[in-house]
Amino acid sequence: MSDNMQAYSKDYDILRYPVLTEKSTKTLETSNAYVFIVDINATKQDVKNAVERVFGVKVDKVNTIVSKGKTKGFRGRYGKRSDIKKAIVRLNAGDKIDLGVGV
C-alpha cells in the first residue's frame, strides 16, 4: 500500500464483516462483486474509500441495501431486531480481495 492509501481505524468501523453465503459467492464469481455488512450511517463514498484503503484495490461501483429489522416475539415479550446495511462492492477488472485470510 502506498502512504496516501493508509487504512484508518474509522475504515474498520465502517466495514463490519463480509457476507459469505452461496448467493454472495455466486455474485463474486459472475461480476467480481463482494458483499459487506457496513455501518448503518455509512455512505457509498465512505464504503468505497474504506475498501480501497483496507484492501488496496480499486472500486468500480458501490450499491447499498438497508434491511429493516423485524419485530419478533418470544414468550410474550416483543422486541425489534436491528436494521442492517449491506454494501455490494464491485471491483475493477483484475482486482481481487482474499477473504479467506485469517479464517
C-alpha atoms as a PDB file:
ATOM      1  CA  MET A   1       0.000   0.000   0.000  1.00  0.00           C
ATOM      2  CA  SER A   2       1.198   3.480  -0.708  1.00  0.00           C
ATOM      3  CA  ASP A   3       1.419   6.095   2.024  1.00  0.00           C
ATOM      4  CA  ASN A   4      -1.664   8.005   0.883  1.00  0.00           C
ATOM      5  CA  MET A   5      -3.753   4.776   0.869  1.00  0.00           C
ATOM      6  CA  GLN A   6      -3.179   4.001   4.560  1.00  0.00           C
ATOM      7  CA  ALA A   7      -6.140   2.378   6.331  1.00  0.00           C
ATOM      8  CA  TYR A   8      -7.578   4.284   9.276  1.00  0.00           C
ATOM      9  CA  SER A   9      -9.401   2.840  12.282  1.00  0.00           C
ATOM     10  CA  LYS A  10     -12.574   4.534  11.012  1.00  0.00           C
ATOM     11  CA  ASP A  11     -12.399   2.317   7.915  1.00  0.00           C
ATOM     12  CA  TYR A  12     -12.595  -0.796  10.069  1.00  0.00           C
ATOM     13  CA  ASP A  13     -15.647   0.671  11.855  1.00  0.00           C
ATOM     14  CA  ILE A  14     -17.378   1.219   8.501  1.00  0.00           C
ATOM     15  CA  LEU A  15     -16.712  -2.309   7.193  1.00  0.00           C
ATOM     16  CA  ARG A  16     -18.209  -4.655   9.787  1.00  0.00           C
ATOM     17  CA  TYR A  17     -17.724  -8.039   8.090  1.00  0.00           C
ATOM     18  CA  PRO A  18     -18.037  -9.743   4.685  1.00  0.00           C
ATOM     19  CA  VAL A  19     -21.085 -11.811   3.799  1.00  0.00           C
ATOM     20  CA  LEU A  20     -20.015 -15.317   2.775  1.00  0.00           C
ATOM     21  CA  THR A  21     -23.177 -17.021   1.559  1.00  0.00           C
ATOM     22  CA  GLU A  22     -23.885 -19.088  -1.514  1.00  0.00           C
ATOM     23  CA  LYS A  23     -25.587 -16.136  -3.209  1.00  0.00           C
ATOM     24  CA  SER A  24     -22.754 -13.685  -2.451  1.00  0.00           C
ATOM     25  CA  THR A  25     -20.162 -16.201  -3.679  1.00  0.00           C
ATOM     26  CA  LYS A  26     -22.054 -16.557  -6.958  1.00  0.00           C
ATOM     27  CA  THR A  27     -22.121 -12.756  -7.277  1.00  0.00           C
ATOM     28  CA  LEU A  28     -18.371 -12.739  -6.739  1.00  0.00           C
ATOM     29  CA  GLU A  29     -17.791 -15.297  -9.487  1.00  0.00           C
ATOM     30  CA  THR A  30     -20.086 -13.657 -12.052  1.00  0.00           C
ATOM     31  CA  SER A  31     -19.475  -9.933 -11.590  1.00  0.00           C
ATOM     32  CA  ASN A  32     -16.379  -9.527  -9.335  1.00  0.00           C
ATOM     33  CA  ALA A  33     -18.571  -8.022  -6.584  1.00  0.00           C
ATOM     34  CA  TYR A  34     -18.145  -8.523  -2.833  1.00  0.00           C
ATOM     35  CA  VAL A  35     -20.872  -8.124  -0.209  1.00  0.00           C
ATOM     36  CA  PHE A  36     -20.152  -6.489   3.157  1.00  0.00           C
ATOM     37  CA  ILE A  37     -22.248  -5.606   6.190  1.00  0.00           C
ATOM     38  CA  VAL A  38     -21.438  -1.946   6.831  1.00  0.00           C
ATOM     39  CA  ASP A  39     -22.255   0.733   9.376  1.00  0.00           C
ATOM     40  CA  ILE A  40     -25.868   1.907   9.047  1.00  0.00           C
ATOM     41  CA  ASN A  41     -24.745   5.560   8.709  1.00  0.00           C
ATOM     42  CA  ALA A  42     -22.021   4.924   6.096  1.00  0.00           C
ATOM     43  CA  THR A  43     -22.431   6.488   2.660  1.00  0.00           C
ATOM     44  CA  LYS A  44     -21.429   4.895  -0.632  1.00  0.00           C
ATOM     45  CA  GLN A  45     -18.354   7.127  -0.769  1.00  0.00           C
ATOM     46  CA  ASP A  46     -17.362   6.083   2.781  1.00  0.00           C
ATOM     47  CA  VAL A  47     -17.632   2.407   1.825  1.00  0.00           C
ATOM     48  CA  LYS A  48     -15.645   2.935  -1.370  1.00  0.00           C
ATOM     49  CA  ASN A  49     -12.828   4.746   0.433  1.00  0.00           C
ATOM     50  CA  ALA A  50     -12.730   2.151   3.232  1.00  0.00           C
ATOM     51  CA  VAL A  51     -12.490  -0.823   0.843  1.00  0.00           C
ATOM     52  CA  GLU A  52      -9.790   0.881  -1.228  1.00  0.00           C
ATOM     53  CA  ARG A  53      -7.699   1.714   1.853  1.00  0.00           C
ATOM     54  CA  VAL A  54      -8.139  -1.556   3.754  1.00  0.00           C
ATOM     55  CA  PHE A  55      -7.695  -3.997   0.859  1.00  0.00           C
ATOM     56  CA  GLY A  56      -5.571  -1.900  -1.539  1.00  0.00           C
ATOM     57  CA  VAL A  57      -7.873  -2.353  -4.554  1.00  0.00           C
ATOM     58  CA  LYS A  58      -9.755  -0.011  -6.896  1.00  0.00           C
ATOM     59  CA  VAL A  59     -13.547   0.061  -6.540  1.00  0.00           C
ATOM     60  CA  ASP A  60     -15.676   0.481  -9.645  1.00  0.00           C
ATOM     61  CA  LYS A  61     -19.151   0.764  -8.104  1.00  0.00           C
ATOM     62  CA  VAL A  62     -20.964   0.522  -4.749  1.00  0.00           C
ATOM     63  CA  ASN A  63     -24.638  -0.379  -4.226  1.00  0.00           C
ATOM     64  CA  THR A  64     -26.228  -0.295  -0.775  1.00  0.00           C
ATOM     65  CA  ILE A  65     -29.286  -2.001   0.698  1.00  0.00           C
ATOM     66  CA  VAL A  66     -30.917  -1.249   4.067  1.00  0.00           C
ATOM     67  CA  SER A  67     -32.781  -4.186   5.612  1.00  0.00           C
ATOM     68  CA  LYS A  68     -35.216  -3.044   8.261  1.00  0.00           C
ATOM     69  CA  GLY A  69     -35.242  -5.106  11.456  1.00  0.00           C
ATOM     70  CA  LYS A  70     -38.384  -7.075  12.129  1.00  0.00           C
ATOM     71  CA  THR A  71     -40.414  -7.372  15.290  1.00  0.00           C
ATOM     72  CA  LYS A  72     -40.114 -10.772  16.954  1.00  0.00           C
ATOM     73  CA  GLY A  73     -41.898 -12.214  19.962  1.00  0.00           C
ATOM     74  CA  PHE A  74     -40.639 -14.722  22.491  1.00  0.00           C
ATOM     75  CA  ARG A  75     -42.724 -15.863  25.461  1.00  0.00           C
ATOM     76  CA  GLY A  76     -44.981 -12.846  25.352  1.00  0.00           C
ATOM     77  CA  ARG A  77     -42.143 -10.320  25.128  1.00  0.00           C
ATOM     78  CA  TYR A  78     -41.662  -8.453  21.914  1.00  0.00           C
ATOM     79  CA  GLY A  79     -38.511  -6.878  20.648  1.00  0.00           C
ATOM     80  CA  LYS A  80     -37.104  -5.467  17.445  1.00  0.00           C
ATOM     81  CA  ARG A  81     -34.069  -6.734  15.561  1.00  0.00           C
ATOM     82  CA  SER A  82     -31.509  -4.175  14.460  1.00  0.00           C
ATOM     83  CA  ASP A  83     -31.557  -2.616  10.997  1.00  0.00           C
ATOM     84  CA  ILE A  84     -28.583  -3.643   8.861  1.00  0.00           C
ATOM     85  CA  LYS A  85     -26.971  -2.144   5.799  1.00  0.00           C
ATOM     86  CA  LYS A  86     -25.336  -4.244   3.090  1.00  0.00           C
ATOM     87  CA  ALA A  87     -22.914  -2.889   0.530  1.00  0.00           C
ATOM     88  CA  ILE A  88     -22.299  -4.673  -2.766  1.00  0.00           C
ATOM     89  CA  VAL A  89     -18.851  -3.529  -3.886  1.00  0.00           C
ATOM     90  CA  ARG A  90     -17.822  -4.145  -7.497  1.00  0.00           C
ATOM     91  CA  LEU A  91     -14.087  -4.017  -8.155  1.00  0.00           C
ATOM     92  CA  ASN A  92     -12.236  -3.041 -11.310  1.00  0.00           C
ATOM     93  CA  ALA A  93     -11.209  -5.867 -13.631  1.00  0.00           C
ATOM     94  CA  GLY A  94      -8.131  -7.669 -12.371  1.00  0.00           C
ATOM     95  CA  ASP A  95      -8.537  -6.631  -8.719  1.00  0.00           C
ATOM     96  CA  LYS A  96      -9.306  -9.274  -6.107  1.00  0.00           C
ATOM     97  CA  ILE A  97      -9.855  -9.482  -2.340  1.00  0.00           C
ATOM     98  CA  ASP A  98      -8.758 -12.616  -0.473  1.00  0.00           C
ATOM     99  CA  LEU A  99     -11.465 -13.085   2.155  1.00  0.00           C
ATOM    100  CA  GLY A 100     -10.050 -16.446   3.284  1.00  0.00           C
ATOM    101  CA  VAL A 101      -7.091 -14.862   5.096  1.00  0.00           C
ATOM    102  CA  GLY A 102      -7.364 -15.186   8.852  1.00  0.00           C
ATOM    103  CA  VAL A 103     -10.225 -17.693   8.817  1.00  0.00           C
END
